[in-house]
PDB file of all heavy atoms in Angstrom:
ATOM      1  N   LEU A   1      -3.643 -20.465  -0.962  1.00  0.00           N
ATOM      2  CA  LEU A   1      -4.402 -19.362  -1.537  1.00  0.00           C
ATOM      3  C   LEU A   1      -4.603 -18.244  -0.519  1.00  0.00           C
ATOM      4  O   LEU A   1      -4.435 -17.056  -0.832  1.00  0.00           O
ATOM      5  CB  LEU A   1      -5.753 -19.873  -2.036  1.00  0.00           C
ATOM      6  CG  LEU A   1      -6.646 -18.865  -2.769  1.00  0.00           C
ATOM      7  CD1 LEU A   1      -5.961 -18.364  -4.028  1.00  0.00           C
ATOM      8  CD2 LEU A   1      -7.985 -19.496  -3.107  1.00  0.00           C
ATOM      9  N   ASP A   2      -4.934 -18.609   0.713  1.00  0.00           N
ATOM     10  CA  ASP A   2      -5.131 -17.608   1.762  1.00  0.00           C
ATOM     11  C   ASP A   2      -3.841 -16.852   2.052  1.00  0.00           C
ATOM     12  O   ASP A   2      -3.848 -15.633   2.260  1.00  0.00           O
ATOM     13  CB  ASP A   2      -5.635 -18.280   3.039  1.00  0.00           C
ATOM     14  CG  ASP A   2      -7.061 -18.805   2.887  1.00  0.00           C
ATOM     15  OD1 ASP A   2      -7.760 -18.332   1.970  1.00  0.00           O
ATOM     16  OD2 ASP A   2      -7.451 -19.692   3.660  1.00  0.00           O
ATOM     17  N   LYS A   3      -2.715 -17.560   2.075  1.00  0.00           N
ATOM     18  CA  LYS A   3      -1.439 -16.897   2.327  1.00  0.00           C
ATOM     19  C   LYS A   3      -1.078 -15.946   1.188  1.00  0.00           C
ATOM     20  O   LYS A   3      -0.494 -14.881   1.423  1.00  0.00           O
ATOM     21  CB  LYS A   3      -0.332 -17.945   2.515  1.00  0.00           C
ATOM     22  CG  LYS A   3      -0.430 -18.686   3.842  1.00  0.00           C
ATOM     23  CD  LYS A   3       0.730 -19.654   4.020  1.00  0.00           C
ATOM     24  CE  LYS A   3       0.656 -20.343   5.379  1.00  0.00           C
ATOM     25  NZ  LYS A   3       1.766 -21.322   5.572  1.00  0.00           N
ATOM     26  N   GLY A   4      -1.413 -16.342  -0.052  1.00  0.00           N
ATOM     27  CA  GLY A   4      -1.153 -15.450  -1.186  1.00  0.00           C
ATOM     28  C   GLY A   4      -1.964 -14.172  -1.086  1.00  0.00           C
ATOM     29  O   GLY A   4      -1.455 -13.068  -1.315  1.00  0.00           O
ATOM     30  N   LEU A   5      -3.251 -14.298  -0.725  1.00  0.00           N
ATOM     31  CA  LEU A   5      -4.094 -13.115  -0.541  1.00  0.00           C
ATOM     32  C   LEU A   5      -3.603 -12.262   0.624  1.00  0.00           C
ATOM     33  O   LEU A   5      -3.598 -11.025   0.549  1.00  0.00           O
ATOM     34  CB  LEU A   5      -5.545 -13.552  -0.297  1.00  0.00           C
ATOM     35  CG  LEU A   5      -6.276 -14.165  -1.489  1.00  0.00           C
ATOM     36  CD1 LEU A   5      -7.638 -14.693  -1.053  1.00  0.00           C
ATOM     37  CD2 LEU A   5      -6.440 -13.154  -2.610  1.00  0.00           C
ATOM     38  N   TYR A   6      -3.185 -12.912   1.690  1.00  0.00           N
ATOM     39  CA  TYR A   6      -2.676 -12.196   2.865  1.00  0.00           C
ATOM     40  C   TYR A   6      -1.424 -11.401   2.507  1.00  0.00           C
ATOM     41  O   TYR A   6      -1.270 -10.233   2.891  1.00  0.00           O
ATOM     42  CB  TYR A   6      -2.373 -13.205   3.971  1.00  0.00           C
ATOM     43  CG  TYR A   6      -1.963 -12.594   5.282  1.00  0.00           C
ATOM     44  CD1 TYR A   6      -2.851 -11.816   6.021  1.00  0.00           C
ATOM     45  CD2 TYR A   6      -0.683 -12.802   5.798  1.00  0.00           C
ATOM     46  CE1 TYR A   6      -2.471 -11.259   7.230  1.00  0.00           C
ATOM     47  CE2 TYR A   6      -0.296 -12.246   7.003  1.00  0.00           C
ATOM     48  CZ  TYR A   6      -1.196 -11.473   7.728  1.00  0.00           C
ATOM     49  OH  TYR A   6      -0.812 -10.912   8.912  1.00  0.00           O
ATOM     50  N   ALA A   7      -0.523 -12.020   1.745  1.00  0.00           N
ATOM     51  CA  ALA A   7       0.682 -11.318   1.311  1.00  0.00           C
ATOM     52  C   ALA A   7       0.347 -10.131   0.414  1.00  0.00           C
ATOM     53  O   ALA A   7       0.959  -9.061   0.506  1.00  0.00           O
ATOM     54  CB  ALA A   7       1.619 -12.284   0.573  1.00  0.00           C
ATOM     55  N   GLY A   8      -0.655 -10.308  -0.458  1.00  0.00           N
ATOM     56  CA  GLY A   8      -1.065  -9.215  -1.331  1.00  0.00           C
ATOM     57  C   GLY A   8      -1.637  -8.040  -0.556  1.00  0.00           C
ATOM     58  O   GLY A   8      -1.355  -6.874  -0.862  1.00  0.00           O
ATOM     59  N   ILE A   9      -2.430  -8.327   0.480  1.00  0.00           N
ATOM     60  CA  ILE A   9      -3.012  -7.253   1.303  1.00  0.00           C
ATOM     61  C   ILE A   9      -1.916  -6.501   2.052  1.00  0.00           C
ATOM     62  O   ILE A   9      -1.930  -5.259   2.119  1.00  0.00           O
ATOM     63  CB  ILE A   9      -4.046  -7.843   2.282  1.00  0.00           C
ATOM     64  CG1 ILE A   9      -5.256  -8.384   1.510  1.00  0.00           C
ATOM     65  CG2 ILE A   9      -4.500  -6.786   3.285  1.00  0.00           C
ATOM     66  CD1 ILE A   9      -6.243  -9.131   2.374  1.00  0.00           C
ATOM     67  N   ILE A  10      -0.961  -7.231   2.618  1.00  0.00           N
ATOM     68  CA  ILE A  10       0.135  -6.573   3.334  1.00  0.00           C
ATOM     69  C   ILE A  10       0.939  -5.685   2.392  1.00  0.00           C
ATOM     70  O   ILE A  10       1.275  -4.531   2.717  1.00  0.00           O
ATOM     71  CB  ILE A  10       1.053  -7.635   3.990  1.00  0.00           C
ATOM     72  CG1 ILE A  10       0.314  -8.357   5.109  1.00  0.00           C
ATOM     73  CG2 ILE A  10       2.321  -6.986   4.532  1.00  0.00           C
ATOM     74  CD1 ILE A  10       1.109  -9.462   5.758  1.00  0.00           C
ATOM     75  N   GLY A  11       1.255  -6.193   1.202  1.00  0.00           N
ATOM     76  CA  GLY A  11       1.989  -5.391   0.228  1.00  0.00           C
ATOM     77  C   GLY A  11       1.218  -4.155  -0.189  1.00  0.00           C
ATOM     78  O   GLY A  11       1.791  -3.063  -0.326  1.00  0.00           O
ATOM     79  N   PHE A  12      -0.096  -4.289  -0.354  1.00  0.00           N
ATOM     80  CA  PHE A  12      -0.933  -3.148  -0.748  1.00  0.00           C
ATOM     81  C   PHE A  12      -0.925  -2.072   0.339  1.00  0.00           C
ATOM     82  O   PHE A  12      -0.802  -0.869   0.043  1.00  0.00           O
ATOM     83  CB  PHE A  12      -2.356  -3.641  -1.005  1.00  0.00           C
ATOM     84  CG  PHE A  12      -3.285  -2.589  -1.529  1.00  0.00           C
ATOM     85  CD1 PHE A  12      -3.198  -2.155  -2.837  1.00  0.00           C
ATOM     86  CD2 PHE A  12      -4.244  -2.020  -0.708  1.00  0.00           C
ATOM     87  CE1 PHE A  12      -4.052  -1.179  -3.330  1.00  0.00           C
ATOM     88  CE2 PHE A  12      -5.098  -1.050  -1.184  1.00  0.00           C
ATOM     89  CZ  PHE A  12      -5.003  -0.627  -2.498  1.00  0.00           C
ATOM     90  N   VAL A  13      -1.043  -2.485   1.598  1.00  0.00           N
ATOM     91  CA  VAL A  13      -1.037  -1.522   2.707  1.00  0.00           C
ATOM     92  C   VAL A  13       0.313  -0.825   2.813  1.00  0.00           C
ATOM     93  O   VAL A  13       0.388   0.400   3.024  1.00  0.00           O
ATOM     94  CB  VAL A  13      -1.390  -2.238   4.032  1.00  0.00           C
ATOM     95  CG1 VAL A  13      -1.197  -1.301   5.218  1.00  0.00           C
ATOM     96  CG2 VAL A  13      -2.825  -2.748   3.996  1.00  0.00           C
ATOM     97  N   LEU A  14       1.410  -1.553   2.659  1.00  0.00           N
ATOM     98  CA  LEU A  14       2.733  -0.947   2.726  1.00  0.00           C
ATOM     99  C   LEU A  14       2.947   0.058   1.591  1.00  0.00           C
ATOM    100  O   LEU A  14       3.579   1.117   1.787  1.00  0.00           O
ATOM    101  CB  LEU A  14       3.819  -2.035   2.669  1.00  0.00           C
ATOM    102  CG  LEU A  14       3.895  -2.955   3.893  1.00  0.00           C
ATOM    103  CD1 LEU A  14       4.943  -4.045   3.665  1.00  0.00           C
ATOM    104  CD2 LEU A  14       4.235  -2.156   5.144  1.00  0.00           C
ATOM    105  N   ILE A  15       2.432  -0.255   0.414  1.00  0.00           N
ATOM    106  CA  ILE A  15       2.524   0.674  -0.717  1.00  0.00           C
ATOM    107  C   ILE A  15       1.784   1.972  -0.407  1.00  0.00           C
ATOM    108  O   ILE A  15       2.286   3.074  -0.658  1.00  0.00           O
ATOM    109  CB  ILE A  15       1.959   0.024  -1.995  1.00  0.00           C
ATOM    110  CG1 ILE A  15       2.900  -1.059  -2.496  1.00  0.00           C
ATOM    111  CG2 ILE A  15       1.751   1.075  -3.092  1.00  0.00           C
ATOM    112  CD1 ILE A  15       2.340  -1.866  -3.649  1.00  0.00           C
ATOM    113  N   ILE A  16       0.592   1.852   0.169  1.00  0.00           N
ATOM    114  CA  ILE A  16      -0.194   3.038   0.511  1.00  0.00           C
ATOM    115  C   ILE A  16       0.543   3.898   1.531  1.00  0.00           C
ATOM    116  O   ILE A  16       0.624   5.132   1.416  1.00  0.00           O
ATOM    117  CB  ILE A  16      -1.573   2.622   1.053  1.00  0.00           C
ATOM    118  CG1 ILE A  16      -2.418   2.010  -0.072  1.00  0.00           C
ATOM    119  CG2 ILE A  16      -2.297   3.818   1.666  1.00  0.00           C
ATOM    120  CD1 ILE A  16      -3.758   1.488   0.398  1.00  0.00           C
ATOM    121  N   ILE A  17       1.119   3.260   2.554  1.00  0.00           N
ATOM    122  CA  ILE A  17       1.851   4.006   3.588  1.00  0.00           C
ATOM    123  C   ILE A  17       3.041   4.749   2.987  1.00  0.00           C
ATOM    124  O   ILE A  17       3.285   5.932   3.289  1.00  0.00           O
ATOM    125  CB  ILE A  17       2.322   3.043   4.702  1.00  0.00           C
ATOM    126  CG1 ILE A  17       1.108   2.482   5.456  1.00  0.00           C
ATOM    127  CG2 ILE A  17       3.259   3.762   5.671  1.00  0.00           C
ATOM    128  CD1 ILE A  17       1.463   1.420   6.473  1.00  0.00           C
ATOM    129  N   PHE A  18       3.787   4.079   2.119  1.00  0.00           N
ATOM    130  CA  PHE A  18       4.949   4.721   1.504  1.00  0.00           C
ATOM    131  C   PHE A  18       4.538   5.897   0.614  1.00  0.00           C
ATOM    132  O   PHE A  18       5.129   6.984   0.692  1.00  0.00           O
ATOM    133  CB  PHE A  18       5.733   3.698   0.680  1.00  0.00           C
ATOM    134  CG  PHE A  18       6.809   4.317  -0.167  1.00  0.00           C
ATOM    135  CD1 PHE A  18       8.008   4.705   0.396  1.00  0.00           C
ATOM    136  CD2 PHE A  18       6.610   4.516  -1.530  1.00  0.00           C
ATOM    137  CE1 PHE A  18       8.998   5.291  -0.377  1.00  0.00           C
ATOM    138  CE2 PHE A  18       7.593   5.105  -2.306  1.00  0.00           C
ATOM    139  CZ  PHE A  18       8.793   5.490  -1.728  1.00  0.00           C
ATOM    140  N   MET A  19       3.533   5.692  -0.234  1.00  0.00           N
ATOM    141  CA  MET A  19       3.125   6.743  -1.160  1.00  0.00           C
ATOM    142  C   MET A  19       2.609   7.968  -0.417  1.00  0.00           C
ATOM    143  O   MET A  19       2.922   9.113  -0.787  1.00  0.00           O
ATOM    144  CB  MET A  19       2.052   6.208  -2.109  1.00  0.00           C
ATOM    145  CG  MET A  19       2.531   5.127  -3.068  1.00  0.00           C
ATOM    146  SD  MET A  19       3.814   5.676  -4.205  1.00  0.00           S
ATOM    147  CE  MET A  19       2.884   6.792  -5.256  1.00  0.00           C
ATOM    148  N   MET A  20       1.843   7.775   0.633  1.00  0.00           N
ATOM    149  CA  MET A  20       1.275   8.909   1.351  1.00  0.00           C
ATOM    150  C   MET A  20       2.317   9.627   2.199  1.00  0.00           C
ATOM    151  O   MET A  20       2.245  10.843   2.386  1.00  0.00           O
ATOM    152  CB  MET A  20       0.102   8.444   2.231  1.00  0.00           C
ATOM    153  CG  MET A  20      -1.080   7.935   1.441  1.00  0.00           C
ATOM    154  SD  MET A  20      -2.547   7.592   2.453  1.00  0.00           S
ATOM    155  CE  MET A  20      -2.947   9.237   3.017  1.00  0.00           C
ATOM    156  N   SER A  21       3.302   8.902   2.697  1.00  0.00           N
ATOM    157  CA  SER A  21       4.339   9.548   3.511  1.00  0.00           C
ATOM    158  C   SER A  21       5.376  10.272   2.653  1.00  0.00           C
ATOM    159  O   SER A  21       5.934  11.289   3.082  1.00  0.00           O
ATOM    160  CB  SER A  21       5.046   8.498   4.377  1.00  0.00           C
ATOM    161  OG  SER A  21       5.680   7.521   3.567  1.00  0.00           O
ATOM    162  N   TYR A  22       5.620   9.807   1.444  1.00  0.00           N
ATOM    163  CA  TYR A  22       6.660  10.405   0.604  1.00  0.00           C
ATOM    164  C   TYR A  22       6.107  11.449  -0.355  1.00  0.00           C
ATOM    165  O   TYR A  22       6.736  12.481  -0.591  1.00  0.00           O
ATOM    166  CB  TYR A  22       7.378   9.310  -0.183  1.00  0.00           C
ATOM    167  CG  TYR A  22       8.589   9.809  -0.940  1.00  0.00           C
ATOM    168  CD1 TYR A  22       9.786  10.070  -0.283  1.00  0.00           C
ATOM    169  CD2 TYR A  22       8.541  10.011  -2.323  1.00  0.00           C
ATOM    170  CE1 TYR A  22      10.903  10.530  -0.965  1.00  0.00           C
ATOM    171  CE2 TYR A  22       9.650  10.474  -3.009  1.00  0.00           C
ATOM    172  CZ  TYR A  22      10.821  10.724  -2.333  1.00  0.00           C
ATOM    173  OH  TYR A  22      11.918  11.191  -3.023  1.00  0.00           O
ATOM    174  N   TYR A  23       4.917  11.191  -0.917  1.00  0.00           N
ATOM    175  CA  TYR A  23       4.369  12.091  -1.932  1.00  0.00           C
ATOM    176  C   TYR A  23       3.224  12.971  -1.417  1.00  0.00           C
ATOM    177  O   TYR A  23       2.643  13.727  -2.193  1.00  0.00           O
ATOM    178  CB  TYR A  23       3.888  11.278  -3.137  1.00  0.00           C
ATOM    179  CG  TYR A  23       5.014  10.731  -3.970  1.00  0.00           C
ATOM    180  CD1 TYR A  23       5.377   9.400  -3.878  1.00  0.00           C
ATOM    181  CD2 TYR A  23       5.730  11.543  -4.844  1.00  0.00           C
ATOM    182  CE1 TYR A  23       6.418   8.884  -4.637  1.00  0.00           C
ATOM    183  CE2 TYR A  23       6.766  11.034  -5.604  1.00  0.00           C
ATOM    184  CZ  TYR A  23       7.108   9.707  -5.497  1.00  0.00           C
ATOM    185  OH  TYR A  23       8.137   9.201  -6.252  1.00  0.00           O
ATOM    186  N   ARG A  24       2.876  12.846  -0.133  1.00  0.00           N
ATOM    187  CA  ARG A  24       1.875  13.703   0.496  1.00  0.00           C
ATOM    188  C   ARG A  24       0.548  13.663  -0.270  1.00  0.00           C
ATOM    189  O   ARG A  24      -0.089  12.637  -0.374  1.00  0.00           O
ATOM    190  CB  ARG A  24       2.405  15.146   0.606  1.00  0.00           C
ATOM    191  CG  ARG A  24       3.748  15.244   1.299  1.00  0.00           C
ATOM    192  CD  ARG A  24       3.664  14.755   2.723  1.00  0.00           C
ATOM    193  NE  ARG A  24       4.946  14.805   3.380  1.00  0.00           N
ATOM    194  CZ  ARG A  24       5.426  15.865   4.022  1.00  0.00           C
ATOM    195  NH1 ARG A  24       4.708  16.981   4.077  1.00  0.00           N
ATOM    196  NH2 ARG A  24       6.615  15.810   4.621  1.00  0.00           N
ATOM    197  N   GLY A  25       0.113  14.803  -0.790  1.00  0.00           N
ATOM    198  CA  GLY A  25      -1.160  14.865  -1.495  1.00  0.00           C
ATOM    199  C   GLY A  25      -1.201  13.978  -2.721  1.00  0.00           C
ATOM    200  O   GLY A  25      -2.232  13.356  -3.035  1.00  0.00           O
ATOM    201  N   LEU A  26      -0.100  13.900  -3.437  1.00  0.00           N
ATOM    202  CA  LEU A  26      -0.043  13.018  -4.602  1.00  0.00           C
ATOM    203  C   LEU A  26      -0.207  11.557  -4.191  1.00  0.00           C
ATOM    204  O   LEU A  26      -0.821  10.761  -4.897  1.00  0.00           O
ATOM    205  CB  LEU A  26       1.289  13.209  -5.343  1.00  0.00           C
ATOM    206  CG  LEU A  26       1.530  14.572  -5.992  1.00  0.00           C
ATOM    207  CD1 LEU A  26       2.904  14.608  -6.645  1.00  0.00           C
ATOM    208  CD2 LEU A  26       0.454  14.867  -7.029  1.00  0.00           C
ATOM    209  N   GLY A  27       0.349  11.215  -3.034  1.00  0.00           N
ATOM    210  CA  GLY A  27       0.211   9.857  -2.538  1.00  0.00           C
ATOM    211  C   GLY A  27      -1.230   9.508  -2.206  1.00  0.00           C
ATOM    212  O   GLY A  27      -1.678   8.377  -2.430  1.00  0.00           O
ATOM    213  N   LEU A  28      -1.982  10.489  -1.690  1.00  0.00           N
ATOM    214  CA  LEU A  28      -3.401  10.268  -1.406  1.00  0.00           C
ATOM    215  C   LEU A  28      -4.179   9.996  -2.693  1.00  0.00           C
ATOM    216  O   LEU A  28      -5.005   9.082  -2.757  1.00  0.00           O
ATOM    217  CB  LEU A  28      -3.979  11.490  -0.687  1.00  0.00           C
ATOM    218  CG  LEU A  28      -5.482  11.438  -0.376  1.00  0.00           C
ATOM    219  CD1 LEU A  28      -5.805  10.266   0.529  1.00  0.00           C
ATOM    220  CD2 LEU A  28      -5.933  12.747   0.252  1.00  0.00           C
ATOM    221  N   ILE A  29      -3.884  10.779  -3.719  1.00  0.00           N
ATOM    222  CA  ILE A  29      -4.555  10.570  -5.006  1.00  0.00           C
ATOM    223  C   ILE A  29      -4.144   9.226  -5.607  1.00  0.00           C
ATOM    224  O   ILE A  29      -4.959   8.515  -6.208  1.00  0.00           O
ATOM    225  CB  ILE A  29      -4.230  11.726  -5.957  1.00  0.00           C
ATOM    226  CG1 ILE A  29      -4.848  13.020  -5.426  1.00  0.00           C
ATOM    227  CG2 ILE A  29      -4.733  11.441  -7.377  1.00  0.00           C
ATOM    228  CD1 ILE A  29      -4.515  14.243  -6.226  1.00  0.00           C
ATOM    229  N   SER A  30      -2.881   8.878  -5.445  1.00  0.00           N
ATOM    230  CA  SER A  30      -2.422   7.577  -5.930  1.00  0.00           C
ATOM    231  C   SER A  30      -3.145   6.439  -5.215  1.00  0.00           C
ATOM    232  O   SER A  30      -3.510   5.429  -5.832  1.00  0.00           O
ATOM    233  CB  SER A  30      -0.913   7.444  -5.711  1.00  0.00           C
ATOM    234  OG  SER A  30      -0.460   6.157  -6.063  1.00  0.00           O
TER     235      SER A  30
END
């Protein structure tokens, strides 16, 4: 269970980094 949550947090952070670097202001709103 802990590993599943850990994987979810890592995926969430990577999504945020990609959206903000590619879509700029739109990524922040996303």
